[in-house]
Amino acid sequence: MAVLRRFARPMLASMFISGGLSALRDPARVAPAAEPVALPLAEKVTWLPEDPEQLVRINGAVQLGAGTLLALGYLPRLSALALAATLVPTTLAGHPYWTIEDPQERAAQRVHFFKNLSMMGGLLIAAADTHGKPSAAYRARARYHRASHAVSEAADDMRHPFGGNHHRVPLPHGAWSH
């Protein structure tokens, strides 16, 4: 699986590196298409600039940076998640096939829309990839269960301080022995 990751991550990241560079070099080319999505987003997220070109640059910088990190295998889960987040405004602004009248152009934009949606799915899988190691949620649950068991054992030992042949009965959650 490590070999697969070594090749798959750069392939997945390649489009974002290329697109991010393009957006940084010439944001004016895509800013008009981005405006219908960028401006409402900037209104809701107050710390974002309201200039569509600047928003295109920010999106491009995130794509270039996160794409490079993903390709190199550094912070791959965070990078994949960041790239998935950049795809939302990119896809909505760049491929609104539902607004296009011409059947051929509409079909072409629909293909691009669903291609981006497919890439988002791949990025979300990459974001969840733990390299075969337990996830953070699993480790947290395991720690909770170990701690709960230790507390139960300690409470049981307090009820029977001199040992003996007693039957261990787990205490109900929140209960204490008197």
Protein backbone atom coordinates (compact mmCIF):
# COMPACT_ATOMS: atom_id res chain seq x y z
CA MET A 1 0.00 0.00 0.00
CA ALA A 2 2.91 2.39 0.66
CA VAL A 3 3.96 2.12 -2.99
CA LEU A 4 0.41 2.89 -4.09
CA ARG A 5 0.31 6.00 -1.89
CA ARG A 6 3.70 7.11 -3.20
CA PHE A 7 2.34 7.21 -6.76
CA ALA A 8 -1.34 8.04 -6.14
CA ARG A 9 -0.81 11.17 -4.03
CA PRO A 10 1.27 13.05 -6.62
CA MET A 11 -1.19 12.04 -9.34
CA LEU A 12 -4.11 13.35 -7.30
CA ALA A 13 -2.21 16.50 -6.38
CA SER A 14 -1.00 17.31 -9.91
CA MET A 15 -4.18 19.07 -11.00
CA PHE A 16 -4.19 21.25 -7.90
CA ILE A 17 -0.55 22.23 -8.27
CA SER A 18 -1.14 23.14 -11.92
CA GLY A 19 -4.42 24.94 -11.23
CA GLY A 20 -3.01 26.74 -8.20
CA LEU A 21 -0.05 28.04 -10.20
CA SER A 22 -2.38 29.20 -12.97
CA ALA A 23 -4.65 31.02 -10.50
CA LEU A 24 -1.68 32.75 -8.88
CA ARG A 25 -0.18 33.81 -12.21
CA ASP A 26 -3.39 35.06 -13.84
CA PRO A 27 -6.28 35.48 -11.37
CA ALA A 28 -8.03 37.95 -13.68
CA ARG A 29 -8.73 35.12 -16.14
CA VAL A 30 -11.05 33.28 -13.71
CA ALA A 31 -12.15 36.09 -11.40
CA PRO A 32 -15.29 36.96 -13.42
CA ALA A 33 -16.48 33.34 -13.23
CA ALA A 34 -15.58 33.18 -9.53
CA GLU A 35 -17.42 36.38 -8.61
CA PRO A 36 -20.94 34.89 -8.17
CA VAL A 37 -19.58 32.41 -5.61
CA ALA A 38 -16.67 34.45 -4.20
CA LEU A 39 -18.61 37.54 -3.16
CA PRO A 40 -21.37 35.76 -1.19
CA LEU A 41 -18.67 33.65 0.46
CA ALA A 42 -16.69 36.77 1.41
CA GLU A 43 -19.86 38.29 2.92
CA LYS A 44 -20.37 35.25 5.15
CA VAL A 45 -16.70 34.77 6.09
CA THR A 46 -15.83 38.27 7.27
CA TRP A 47 -12.05 37.81 7.33
CA LEU A 48 -11.95 37.02 3.59
CA PRO A 49 -11.30 39.90 1.16
CA GLU A 50 -14.18 40.93 -1.08
CA ASP A 51 -12.03 41.29 -4.21
CA PRO A 52 -12.70 38.26 -6.50
CA GLU A 53 -9.14 38.31 -7.87
CA GLN A 54 -7.72 38.21 -4.37
CA LEU A 55 -10.03 35.31 -3.47
CA VAL A 56 -8.90 33.46 -6.60
CA ARG A 57 -5.28 34.03 -5.53
CA ILE A 58 -5.98 32.72 -2.02
CA ASN A 59 -7.71 29.63 -3.41
CA GLY A 60 -4.82 29.13 -5.84
CA ALA A 61 -2.23 29.49 -3.08
CA VAL A 62 -4.03 26.91 -0.93
CA GLN A 63 -4.25 24.55 -3.91
CA LEU A 64 -0.57 25.00 -4.76
CA GLY A 65 0.61 24.62 -1.15
CA ALA A 66 -1.67 21.76 -0.13
CA GLY A 67 -1.16 20.05 -3.50
CA THR A 68 2.61 20.19 -3.06
CA LEU A 69 2.38 18.86 0.50
CA LEU A 70 0.09 16.04 -0.63
CA ALA A 71 2.38 15.14 -3.53
CA LEU A 72 5.37 14.98 -1.18
CA GLY A 73 3.46 13.04 1.47
CA TYR A 74 3.76 15.73 4.17
CA LEU A 75 0.61 16.22 6.24
CA PRO A 76 -1.32 14.23 3.62
CA ARG A 77 -4.61 14.03 5.51
CA LEU A 78 -4.73 17.75 6.26
CA SER A 79 -3.58 18.60 2.73
CA ALA A 80 -6.26 16.41 1.17
CA LEU A 81 -8.92 18.01 3.37
CA ALA A 82 -7.75 21.51 2.43
CA LEU A 83 -7.84 20.60 -1.27
CA ALA A 84 -11.36 19.18 -0.91
CA ALA A 85 -12.44 22.47 0.68
CA THR A 86 -11.01 24.48 -2.24
CA LEU A 87 -12.95 22.35 -4.69
CA VAL A 88 -16.32 23.51 -3.38
CA PRO A 89 -16.12 27.14 -4.56
CA THR A 90 -14.02 26.16 -7.59
CA THR A 91 -16.63 23.67 -8.78
CA LEU A 92 -19.65 25.86 -8.06
CA ALA A 93 -18.11 28.88 -9.77
CA GLY A 94 -16.38 27.12 -12.64
CA HIS A 95 -18.93 24.53 -13.69
CA PRO A 96 -22.54 25.66 -13.01
CA TYR A 97 -23.94 23.42 -15.75
CA TRP A 98 -27.51 23.97 -14.52
CA THR A 99 -27.36 27.61 -15.69
CA ILE A 100 -26.19 26.90 -19.25
CA GLU A 101 -28.69 26.89 -22.14
CA ASP A 102 -26.56 25.37 -24.95
CA PRO A 103 -26.93 21.55 -24.71
CA GLN A 104 -23.35 20.79 -25.77
CA GLU A 105 -21.79 23.33 -23.40
CA ARG A 106 -24.14 22.20 -20.63
CA ALA A 107 -23.05 18.57 -21.14
CA ALA A 108 -19.36 19.56 -21.13
CA GLN A 109 -19.74 21.56 -17.92
CA ARG A 110 -21.69 18.72 -16.30
CA VAL A 111 -18.76 16.38 -17.05
CA HIS A 112 -16.34 18.86 -15.42
CA PHE A 113 -18.66 19.31 -12.44
CA PHE A 114 -18.86 15.57 -11.78
CA LYS A 115 -15.13 15.14 -12.44
CA ASN A 116 -14.50 17.65 -9.64
CA LEU A 117 -17.03 15.86 -7.46
CA SER A 118 -15.18 12.60 -8.10
CA MET A 119 -11.87 14.22 -7.19
CA MET A 120 -13.45 15.50 -3.99
CA GLY A 121 -14.40 11.93 -3.15
CA GLY A 122 -10.82 10.79 -3.73
CA LEU A 123 -9.53 13.62 -1.55
CA LEU A 124 -11.92 12.70 1.25
CA ILE A 125 -10.71 9.09 1.07
CA ALA A 126 -7.11 10.40 1.21
CA ALA A 127 -8.05 12.60 4.18
CA ALA A 128 -9.37 9.55 6.03
CA ASP A 129 -6.38 7.32 5.15
CA THR A 130 -4.52 6.40 8.33
CA HIS A 131 -1.87 4.20 6.64
CA GLY A 132 -3.33 1.17 8.35
CA LYS A 133 -2.91 2.72 11.78
CA PRO A 134 -5.87 3.24 14.10
CA SER A 135 -7.63 6.56 13.61
CA ALA A 136 -7.59 9.28 16.26
CA ALA A 137 -11.24 8.52 17.08
CA TYR A 138 -10.45 4.84 17.59
CA ARG A 139 -7.47 5.63 19.80
CA ALA A 140 -9.57 8.06 21.86
CA ARG A 141 -12.30 5.45 22.35
CA ALA A 142 -9.71 2.84 23.35
CA ARG A 143 -8.16 5.24 25.88
CA TYR A 144 -11.60 5.99 27.30
CA HIS A 145 -12.39 2.29 27.68
CA ARG A 146 -9.01 1.55 29.29
CA ALA A 147 -9.45 4.45 31.73
CA SER A 148 -13.02 3.40 32.50
CA HIS A 149 -11.87 -0.16 33.16
CA ALA A 150 -9.03 1.08 35.41
CA VAL A 151 -11.45 3.23 37.42
CA SER A 152 -13.84 0.30 37.77
CA GLU A 153 -10.99 -1.96 38.93
CA ALA A 154 -9.81 0.66 41.44
CA ALA A 155 -13.33 1.10 42.81
CA ASP A 156 -13.70 -2.65 43.13
CA ASP A 157 -10.38 -2.89 44.97
CA MET A 158 -11.58 -0.17 47.36
CA ARG A 159 -14.68 -2.23 48.17
CA HIS A 160 -12.49 -5.26 48.92
CA PRO A 161 -9.28 -3.78 50.36
CA PHE A 162 -7.95 -7.08 51.72
CA GLY A 163 -8.39 -9.04 48.53
CA GLY A 164 -9.99 -12.39 48.91
CA ASN A 165 -11.98 -14.46 46.58
CA HIS A 166 -14.60 -11.91 45.62
CA HIS A 167 -16.54 -11.54 42.45
CA ARG A 168 -15.77 -8.33 40.54
CA VAL A 169 -18.95 -6.50 39.62
CA PRO A 170 -18.56 -3.47 37.41
CA LEU A 171 -20.08 -0.34 38.87
CA PRO A 172 -22.79 1.41 36.85
CA HIS A 173 -21.65 4.60 35.16
CA GLY A 174 -21.35 7.34 37.76
CA ALA A 175 -21.94 5.05 40.75
CA TRP A 176 -19.61 4.86 43.76
CA SER A 177 -19.41 2.15 46.37
CA HIS A 178 -19.94 3.11 50.07
